[in-house]
Amino acid sequence: MRINLDIPDGIAQCPSFSRADWLREMAISLFEQEQVTLGIASQIAGIHLMEFQKIIGSRGVCAHYDAVEFADDMENLRRRGWL
């Protein structure tokens, strides 16, 4: 598998760029390239799904969320009695 990371030089060369920072950047890149799901990407990054969504949203990354996934989510919410 080939993974392309687009990390600005200022970040990549920063000595304070931590392991968590690298994992987050890899997770974003893998998700953006549609190699992993949103849930898996948030796990790779080690952060809550909602926080990961905020991060990718702030970077203009498409969430790859379609009508079928929306319908599945709605059904899951109904089954749990949340709707």
PDB file of N, CA and C in Angstrom:
ATOM      1  N   MET A   1       0.844  -1.172   0.000  1.00  0.00           N
ATOM      2  CA  MET A   1       0.000   0.000   0.000  1.00  0.00           C
ATOM      3  C   MET A   1       0.888   1.233   0.000  1.00  0.00           C
ATOM      4  N   ARG A   2       0.480   2.200  -0.784  1.00  0.00           N
ATOM      5  CA  ARG A   2       1.199   3.469  -0.817  1.00  0.00           C
ATOM      6  C   ARG A   2       0.348   4.523  -0.130  1.00  0.00           C
ATOM      7  N   ILE A   3       0.950   5.261   0.778  1.00  0.00           N
ATOM      8  CA  ILE A   3       0.258   6.315   1.502  1.00  0.00           C
ATOM      9  C   ILE A   3       0.963   7.625   1.212  1.00  0.00           C
ATOM     10  N   ASN A   4       0.201   8.598   0.739  1.00  0.00           N
ATOM     11  CA  ASN A   4       0.745   9.928   0.489  1.00  0.00           C
ATOM     12  C   ASN A   4       0.326  10.862   1.606  1.00  0.00           C
ATOM     13  N   LEU A   5       1.299  11.487   2.230  1.00  0.00           N
ATOM     14  CA  LEU A   5       1.015  12.449   3.280  1.00  0.00           C
ATOM     15  C   LEU A   5       1.407  13.836   2.795  1.00  0.00           C
ATOM     16  N   ASP A   6       0.525  14.786   2.977  1.00  0.00           N
ATOM     17  CA  ASP A   6       0.802  16.167   2.634  1.00  0.00           C
ATOM     18  C   ASP A   6       0.855  16.956   3.929  1.00  0.00           C
ATOM     19  N   ILE A   7       2.053  17.047   4.494  1.00  0.00           N
ATOM     20  CA  ILE A   7       2.248  17.727   5.764  1.00  0.00           C
ATOM     21  C   ILE A   7       3.104  18.964   5.504  1.00  0.00           C
ATOM     22  N   PRO A   8       2.589  20.126   5.864  1.00  0.00           N
ATOM     23  CA  PRO A   8       3.370  21.343   5.646  1.00  0.00           C
ATOM     24  C   PRO A   8       4.746  21.258   6.293  1.00  0.00           C
ATOM     25  N   ASP A   9       5.762  21.817   5.619  1.00  0.00           N
ATOM     26  CA  ASP A   9       7.135  21.760   6.126  1.00  0.00           C
ATOM     27  C   ASP A   9       7.259  22.301   7.539  1.00  0.00           C
ATOM     28  N   GLY A  10       6.533  23.370   7.822  1.00  0.00           N
ATOM     29  CA  GLY A  10       6.607  23.963   9.151  1.00  0.00           C
ATOM     30  C   GLY A  10       6.200  23.004  10.249  1.00  0.00           C
ATOM     31  N   ILE A  11       5.260  22.121   9.943  1.00  0.00           N
ATOM     32  CA  ILE A  11       4.806  21.132  10.928  1.00  0.00           C
ATOM     33  C   ILE A  11       5.766  19.946  10.966  1.00  0.00           C
ATOM     34  N   ALA A  12       6.114  19.435   9.794  1.00  0.00           N
ATOM     35  CA  ALA A  12       6.949  18.237   9.718  1.00  0.00           C
ATOM     36  C   ALA A  12       8.329  18.450  10.327  1.00  0.00           C
ATOM     37  N   GLN A  13       8.824  19.664  10.279  1.00  0.00           N
ATOM     38  CA  GLN A  13      10.161  19.953  10.792  1.00  0.00           C
ATOM     39  C   GLN A  13      10.149  20.492  12.219  1.00  0.00           C
ATOM     40  N   CYS A  14       8.975  20.627  12.772  1.00  0.00           N
ATOM     41  CA  CYS A  14       8.827  21.162  14.121  1.00  0.00           C
ATOM     42  C   CYS A  14       9.202  20.087  15.147  1.00  0.00           C
ATOM     43  N   PRO A  15      10.151  20.380  16.035  1.00  0.00           N
ATOM     44  CA  PRO A  15      10.564  19.376  17.015  1.00  0.00           C
ATOM     45  C   PRO A  15       9.454  18.992  17.996  1.00  0.00           C
ATOM     46  N   SER A  16       8.435  19.837  18.120  1.00  0.00           N
ATOM     47  CA  SER A  16       7.364  19.515  19.052  1.00  0.00           C
ATOM     48  C   SER A  16       6.242  18.706  18.403  1.00  0.00           C
ATOM     49  N   PHE A  17       6.422  18.309  17.143  1.00  0.00           N
ATOM     50  CA  PHE A  17       5.440  17.492  16.442  1.00  0.00           C
ATOM     51  C   PHE A  17       5.497  16.096  17.042  1.00  0.00           C
ATOM     52  N   SER A  18       4.466  15.728  17.786  1.00  0.00           N
ATOM     53  CA  SER A  18       4.472  14.502  18.587  1.00  0.00           C
ATOM     54  C   SER A  18       3.997  13.272  17.805  1.00  0.00           C
ATOM     55  N   ARG A  19       4.092  12.141  18.478  1.00  0.00           N
ATOM     56  CA  ARG A  19       3.581  10.887  17.909  1.00  0.00           C
ATOM     57  C   ARG A  19       2.085  11.022  17.628  1.00  0.00           C
ATOM     58  N   ALA A  20       1.355  11.629  18.550  1.00  0.00           N
ATOM     59  CA  ALA A  20      -0.082  11.832  18.364  1.00  0.00           C
ATOM     60  C   ALA A  20      -0.360  12.705  17.137  1.00  0.00           C
ATOM     61  N   ASP A  21       0.478  13.704  16.933  1.00  0.00           N
ATOM     62  CA  ASP A  21       0.329  14.566  15.755  1.00  0.00           C
ATOM     63  C   ASP A  21       0.521  13.761  14.466  1.00  0.00           C
ATOM     64  N   TRP A  22       1.542  12.904  14.442  1.00  0.00           N
ATOM     65  CA  TRP A  22       1.793  12.073  13.259  1.00  0.00           C
ATOM     66  C   TRP A  22       0.638  11.107  13.016  1.00  0.00           C
ATOM     67  N   LEU A  23       0.141  10.488  14.072  1.00  0.00           N
ATOM     68  CA  LEU A  23      -0.986   9.559  13.921  1.00  0.00           C
ATOM     69  C   LEU A  23      -2.218  10.286  13.382  1.00  0.00           C
ATOM     70  N   ARG A  24      -2.475  11.482  13.896  1.00  0.00           N
ATOM     71  CA  ARG A  24      -3.613  12.267  13.417  1.00  0.00           C
ATOM     72  C   ARG A  24      -3.454  12.588  11.927  1.00  0.00           C
ATOM     73  N   GLU A  25      -2.273  13.008  11.525  1.00  0.00           N
ATOM     74  CA  GLU A  25      -2.043  13.359  10.126  1.00  0.00           C
ATOM     75  C   GLU A  25      -2.159  12.136   9.214  1.00  0.00           C
ATOM     76  N   MET A  26      -1.652  10.994   9.679  1.00  0.00           N
ATOM     77  CA  MET A  26      -1.781   9.772   8.885  1.00  0.00           C
ATOM     78  C   MET A  26      -3.233   9.353   8.767  1.00  0.00           C
ATOM     79  N   ALA A  27      -3.977   9.458   9.860  1.00  0.00           N
ATOM     80  CA  ALA A  27      -5.395   9.088   9.844  1.00  0.00           C
ATOM     81  C   ALA A  27      -6.173   9.981   8.877  1.00  0.00           C
ATOM     82  N   ILE A  28      -5.902  11.269   8.898  1.00  0.00           N
ATOM     83  CA  ILE A  28      -6.573  12.195   7.988  1.00  0.00           C
ATOM     84  C   ILE A  28      -6.251  11.838   6.550  1.00  0.00           C
ATOM     85  N   SER A  29      -4.994  11.584   6.279  1.00  0.00           N
ATOM     86  CA  SER A  29      -4.577  11.245   4.918  1.00  0.00           C
ATOM     87  C   SER A  29      -5.213   9.943   4.443  1.00  0.00           C
ATOM     88  N   LEU A  30      -5.202   8.922   5.281  1.00  0.00           N
ATOM     89  CA  LEU A  30      -5.818   7.642   4.914  1.00  0.00           C
ATOM     90  C   LEU A  30      -7.306   7.800   4.662  1.00  0.00           C
ATOM     91  N   PHE A  31      -7.969   8.584   5.499  1.00  0.00           N
ATOM     92  CA  PHE A  31      -9.396   8.811   5.312  1.00  0.00           C
ATOM     93  C   PHE A  31      -9.650   9.590   4.029  1.00  0.00           C
ATOM     94  N   GLU A  32      -8.875  10.620   3.803  1.00  0.00           N
ATOM     95  CA  GLU A  32      -9.052  11.452   2.612  1.00  0.00           C
ATOM     96  C   GLU A  32      -8.856  10.636   1.329  1.00  0.00           C
ATOM     97  N   GLN A  33      -7.949   9.662   1.376  1.00  0.00           N
ATOM     98  CA  GLN A  33      -7.686   8.791   0.229  1.00  0.00           C
ATOM     99  C   GLN A  33      -8.655   7.613   0.170  1.00  0.00           C
ATOM    100  N   GLU A  34      -9.641   7.594   1.078  1.00  0.00           N
ATOM    101  CA  GLU A  34     -10.660   6.554   1.160  1.00  0.00           C
ATOM    102  C   GLU A  34     -10.068   5.161   1.373  1.00  0.00           C
ATOM    103  N   GLN A  35      -8.987   5.108   2.160  1.00  0.00           N
ATOM    104  CA  GLN A  35      -8.361   3.834   2.510  1.00  0.00           C
ATOM    105  C   GLN A  35      -8.956   3.260   3.791  1.00  0.00           C
ATOM    106  N   VAL A  36      -9.517   4.135   4.646  1.00  0.00           N
ATOM    107  CA  VAL A  36     -10.148   3.705   5.894  1.00  0.00           C
ATOM    108  C   VAL A  36     -11.437   4.492   6.088  1.00  0.00           C
ATOM    109  N   THR A  37     -12.310   3.959   6.935  1.00  0.00           N
ATOM    110  CA  THR A  37     -13.565   4.632   7.253  1.00  0.00           C
ATOM    111  C   THR A  37     -13.315   5.754   8.258  1.00  0.00           C
ATOM    112  N   LEU A  38     -14.331   6.563   8.454  1.00  0.00           N
ATOM    113  CA  LEU A  38     -14.259   7.643   9.428  1.00  0.00           C
ATOM    114  C   LEU A  38     -13.974   7.096  10.827  1.00  0.00           C
ATOM    115  N   GLY A  39     -14.672   6.022  11.191  1.00  0.00           N
ATOM    116  CA  GLY A  39     -14.476   5.420  12.507  1.00  0.00           C
ATOM    117  C   GLY A  39     -13.073   4.878  12.703  1.00  0.00           C
ATOM    118  N   ILE A  40     -12.560   4.185  11.702  1.00  0.00           N
ATOM    119  CA  ILE A  40     -11.197   3.641  11.790  1.00  0.00           C
ATOM    120  C   ILE A  40     -10.178   4.771  11.847  1.00  0.00           C
ATOM    121  N   ALA A  41     -10.388   5.803  11.049  1.00  0.00           N
ATOM    122  CA  ALA A  41      -9.465   6.943  11.053  1.00  0.00           C
ATOM    123  C   ALA A  41      -9.417   7.598  12.428  1.00  0.00           C
ATOM    124  N   SER A  42     -10.579   7.758  13.063  1.00  0.00           N
ATOM    125  CA  SER A  42     -10.582   8.378  14.390  1.00  0.00           C
ATOM    126  C   SER A  42      -9.866   7.481  15.407  1.00  0.00           C
ATOM    127  N   GLN A  43      -9.981   6.169  15.226  1.00  0.00           N
ATOM    128  CA  GLN A  43      -9.256   5.242  16.111  1.00  0.00           C
ATOM    129  C   GLN A  43      -7.753   5.349  15.893  1.00  0.00           C
ATOM    130  N   ILE A  44      -7.330   5.424  14.630  1.00  0.00           N
ATOM    131  CA  ILE A  44      -5.898   5.574  14.334  1.00  0.00           C
ATOM    132  C   ILE A  44      -5.371   6.846  14.989  1.00  0.00           C
ATOM    133  N   ALA A  45      -6.155   7.919  14.872  1.00  0.00           N
ATOM    134  CA  ALA A  45      -5.750   9.201  15.448  1.00  0.00           C
ATOM    135  C   ALA A  45      -5.818   9.199  16.976  1.00  0.00           C
ATOM    136  N   GLY A  46      -6.569   8.231  17.530  1.00  0.00           N
ATOM    137  CA  GLY A  46      -6.687   8.145  18.982  1.00  0.00           C
ATOM    138  C   GLY A  46      -7.574   9.228  19.574  1.00  0.00           C
ATOM    139  N   ILE A  47      -8.559   9.678  18.784  1.00  0.00           N
ATOM    140  CA  ILE A  47      -9.459  10.723  19.268  1.00  0.00           C
ATOM    141  C   ILE A  47     -10.909  10.323  19.003  1.00  0.00           C
ATOM    142  N   HIS A  48     -11.815  10.962  19.708  1.00  0.00           N
ATOM    143  CA  HIS A  48     -13.240  10.683  19.562  1.00  0.00           C
ATOM    144  C   HIS A  48     -13.678  11.006  18.134  1.00  0.00           C
ATOM    145  N   LEU A  49     -14.635  10.246  17.652  1.00  0.00           N
ATOM    146  CA  LEU A  49     -15.147  10.408  16.292  1.00  0.00           C
ATOM    147  C   LEU A  49     -15.582  11.845  16.010  1.00  0.00           C
ATOM    148  N   MET A  50     -16.300  12.458  16.943  1.00  0.00           N
ATOM    149  CA  MET A  50     -16.782  13.828  16.728  1.00  0.00           C
ATOM    150  C   MET A  50     -15.624  14.820  16.627  1.00  0.00           C
ATOM    151  N   GLU A  51     -14.598  14.629  17.419  1.00  0.00           N
ATOM    152  CA  GLU A  51     -13.420  15.507  17.347  1.00  0.00           C
ATOM    153  C   GLU A  51     -12.713  15.338  16.002  1.00  0.00           C
ATOM    154  N   PHE A  52     -12.624  14.089  15.539  1.00  0.00           N
ATOM    155  CA  PHE A  52     -12.003  13.836  14.244  1.00  0.00           C
ATOM    156  C   PHE A  52     -12.803  14.517  13.133  1.00  0.00           C
ATOM    157  N   GLN A  53     -14.127  14.433  13.223  1.00  0.00           N
ATOM    158  CA  GLN A  53     -14.967  15.088  12.221  1.00  0.00           C
ATOM    159  C   GLN A  53     -14.751  16.597  12.220  1.00  0.00           C
ATOM    160  N   LYS A  54     -14.592  17.197  13.395  1.00  0.00           N
ATOM    161  CA  LYS A  54     -14.322  18.636  13.480  1.00  0.00           C
ATOM    162  C   LYS A  54     -12.999  18.974  12.791  1.00  0.00           C
ATOM    163  N   ILE A  55     -12.003  18.148  13.010  1.00  0.00           N
ATOM    164  CA  ILE A  55     -10.683  18.400  12.421  1.00  0.00           C
ATOM    165  C   ILE A  55     -10.746  18.322  10.898  1.00  0.00           C
ATOM    166  N   ILE A  56     -11.340  17.244  10.374  1.00  0.00           N
ATOM    167  CA  ILE A  56     -11.381  17.131   8.913  1.00  0.00           C
ATOM    168  C   ILE A  56     -12.266  18.219   8.314  1.00  0.00           C
ATOM    169  N   GLY A  57     -13.309  18.594   9.024  1.00  0.00           N
ATOM    170  CA  GLY A  57     -14.167  19.675   8.544  1.00  0.00           C
ATOM    171  C   GLY A  57     -13.417  20.992   8.465  1.00  0.00           C
ATOM    172  N   SER A  58     -12.584  21.256   9.469  1.00  0.00           N
ATOM    173  CA  SER A  58     -11.820  22.505   9.480  1.00  0.00           C
ATOM    174  C   SER A  58     -10.793  22.551   8.360  1.00  0.00           C
ATOM    175  N   ARG A  59     -10.437  21.381   7.854  1.00  0.00           N
ATOM    176  CA  ARG A  59      -9.468  21.305   6.750  1.00  0.00           C
ATOM    177  C   ARG A  59     -10.142  21.161   5.388  1.00  0.00           C
ATOM    178  N   GLY A  60     -11.459  21.122   5.393  1.00  0.00           N
ATOM    179  CA  GLY A  60     -12.187  21.027   4.131  1.00  0.00           C
ATOM    180  C   GLY A  60     -12.180  19.639   3.516  1.00  0.00           C
ATOM    181  N   VAL A  61     -11.940  18.612   4.339  1.00  0.00           N
ATOM    182  CA  VAL A  61     -11.926  17.231   3.859  1.00  0.00           C
ATOM    183  C   VAL A  61     -13.366  16.726   3.795  1.00  0.00           C
ATOM    184  N   CYS A  62     -13.738  16.160   2.670  1.00  0.00           N
ATOM    185  CA  CYS A  62     -15.074  15.610   2.482  1.00  0.00           C
ATOM    186  C   CYS A  62     -15.273  14.414   3.408  1.00  0.00           C
ATOM    187  N   ALA A  63     -16.442  14.348   4.030  1.00  0.00           N
ATOM    188  CA  ALA A  63     -16.727  13.276   4.995  1.00  0.00           C
ATOM    189  C   ALA A  63     -17.123  11.953   4.343  1.00  0.00           C
ATOM    190  N   HIS A  64     -17.269  11.888   3.017  1.00  0.00           N
ATOM    191  CA  HIS A  64     -17.630  10.656   2.309  1.00  0.00           C
ATOM    192  C   HIS A  64     -18.882  10.022   2.914  1.00  0.00           C
ATOM    193  N   TYR A  65     -19.863  10.803   3.142  1.00  0.00           N
ATOM    194  CA  TYR A  65     -21.090  10.351   3.805  1.00  0.00           C
ATOM    195  C   TYR A  65     -22.217  10.468   2.795  1.00  0.00           C
ATOM    196  N   ASP A  66     -22.802   9.327   2.415  1.00  0.00           N
ATOM    197  CA  ASP A  66     -23.826   9.365   1.376  1.00  0.00           C
ATOM    198  C   ASP A  66     -25.208   9.016   1.927  1.00  0.00           C
ATOM    199  N   ALA A  67     -26.200   9.004   1.064  1.00  0.00           N
ATOM    200  CA  ALA A  67     -27.588   8.765   1.466  1.00  0.00           C
ATOM    201  C   ALA A  67     -27.778   7.380   2.078  1.00  0.00           C
ATOM    202  N   VAL A  68     -27.081   6.392   1.583  1.00  0.00           N
ATOM    203  CA  VAL A  68     -27.203   5.031   2.133  1.00  0.00           C
ATOM    204  C   VAL A  68     -26.684   4.993   3.566  1.00  0.00           C
ATOM    205  N   GLU A  69     -25.552   5.630   3.805  1.00  0.00           N
ATOM    206  CA  GLU A  69     -25.004   5.669   5.164  1.00  0.00           C
ATOM    207  C   GLU A  69     -25.938   6.446   6.096  1.00  0.00           C
ATOM    208  N   PHE A  70     -26.521   7.521   5.590  1.00  0.00           N
ATOM    209  CA  PHE A  70     -27.473   8.286   6.385  1.00  0.00           C
ATOM    210  C   PHE A  70     -28.666   7.413   6.775  1.00  0.00           C
ATOM    211  N   ALA A  71     -29.209   6.677   5.810  1.00  0.00           N
ATOM    212  CA  ALA A  71     -30.339   5.785   6.087  1.00  0.00           C
ATOM    213  C   ALA A  71     -29.962   4.723   7.121  1.00  0.00           C
ATOM    214  N   ASP A  72     -28.755   4.176   7.002  1.00  0.00           N
ATOM    215  CA  ASP A  72     -28.275   3.189   7.985  1.00  0.00           C
ATOM    216  C   ASP A  72     -28.196   3.805   9.376  1.00  0.00           C
ATOM    217  N   ASP A  73     -27.651   5.022   9.451  1.00  0.00           N
ATOM    218  CA  ASP A  73     -27.551   5.699  10.740  1.00  0.00           C
ATOM    219  C   ASP A  73     -28.926   5.961  11.340  1.00  0.00           C
ATOM    220  N   MET A  74     -29.858   6.390  10.517  1.00  0.00           N
ATOM    221  CA  MET A  74     -31.209   6.645  10.995  1.00  0.00           C
ATOM    222  C   MET A  74     -31.849   5.358  11.530  1.00  0.00           C
ATOM    223  N   GLU A  75     -31.651   4.267  10.838  1.00  0.00           N
ATOM    224  CA  GLU A  75     -32.194   2.980  11.286  1.00  0.00           C
ATOM    225  C   GLU A  75     -31.568   2.568  12.618  1.00  0.00           C
ATOM    226  N   ASN A  76     -30.258   2.742  12.744  1.00  0.00           N
ATOM    227  CA  ASN A  76     -29.583   2.418  14.000  1.00  0.00           C
ATOM    228  C   ASN A  76     -30.126   3.261  15.150  1.00  0.00           C
ATOM    229  N   LEU A  77     -30.383   4.538  14.901  1.00  0.00           N
ATOM    230  CA  LEU A  77     -30.940   5.409  15.934  1.00  0.00           C
ATOM    231  C   LEU A  77     -32.351   4.971  16.318  1.00  0.00           C
ATOM    232  N   ARG A  78     -33.135   4.569  15.327  1.00  0.00           N
ATOM    233  CA  ARG A  78     -34.501   4.088  15.608  1.00  0.00           C
ATOM    234  C   ARG A  78     -34.469   2.824  16.467  1.00  0.00           C
ATOM    235  N   ARG A  79     -33.586   1.897  16.112  1.00  0.00           N
ATOM    236  CA  ARG A  79     -33.479   0.648  16.867  1.00  0.00           C
ATOM    237  C   ARG A  79     -33.090   0.895  18.311  1.00  0.00           C
ATOM    238  N   ARG A  80     -32.321   1.918  18.531  1.00  0.00           N
ATOM    239  CA  ARG A  80     -31.888   2.249  19.897  1.00  0.00           C
ATOM    240  C   ARG A  80     -32.895   3.115  20.632  1.00  0.00           C
ATOM    241  N   GLY A  81     -33.974   3.486  19.944  1.00  0.00           N
ATOM    242  CA  GLY A  81     -35.012   4.292  20.561  1.00  0.00           C
ATOM    243  C   GLY A  81     -34.663   5.761  20.687  1.00  0.00           C
ATOM    244  N   TRP A  82     -33.710   6.217  19.899  1.00  0.00           N
ATOM    245  CA  TRP A  82     -33.297   7.626  19.970  1.00  0.00           C
ATOM    246  C   TRP A  82     -34.117   8.511  19.054  1.00  0.00           C
ATOM    247  N   LEU A  83     -34.937   7.906  18.194  1.00  0.00           N
ATOM    248  CA  LEU A  83     -35.811   8.686  17.311  1.00  0.00           C
ATOM    249  C   LEU A  83     -37.243   8.268  17.516  1.00  0.00           C
TER     250      LEU A  83
END
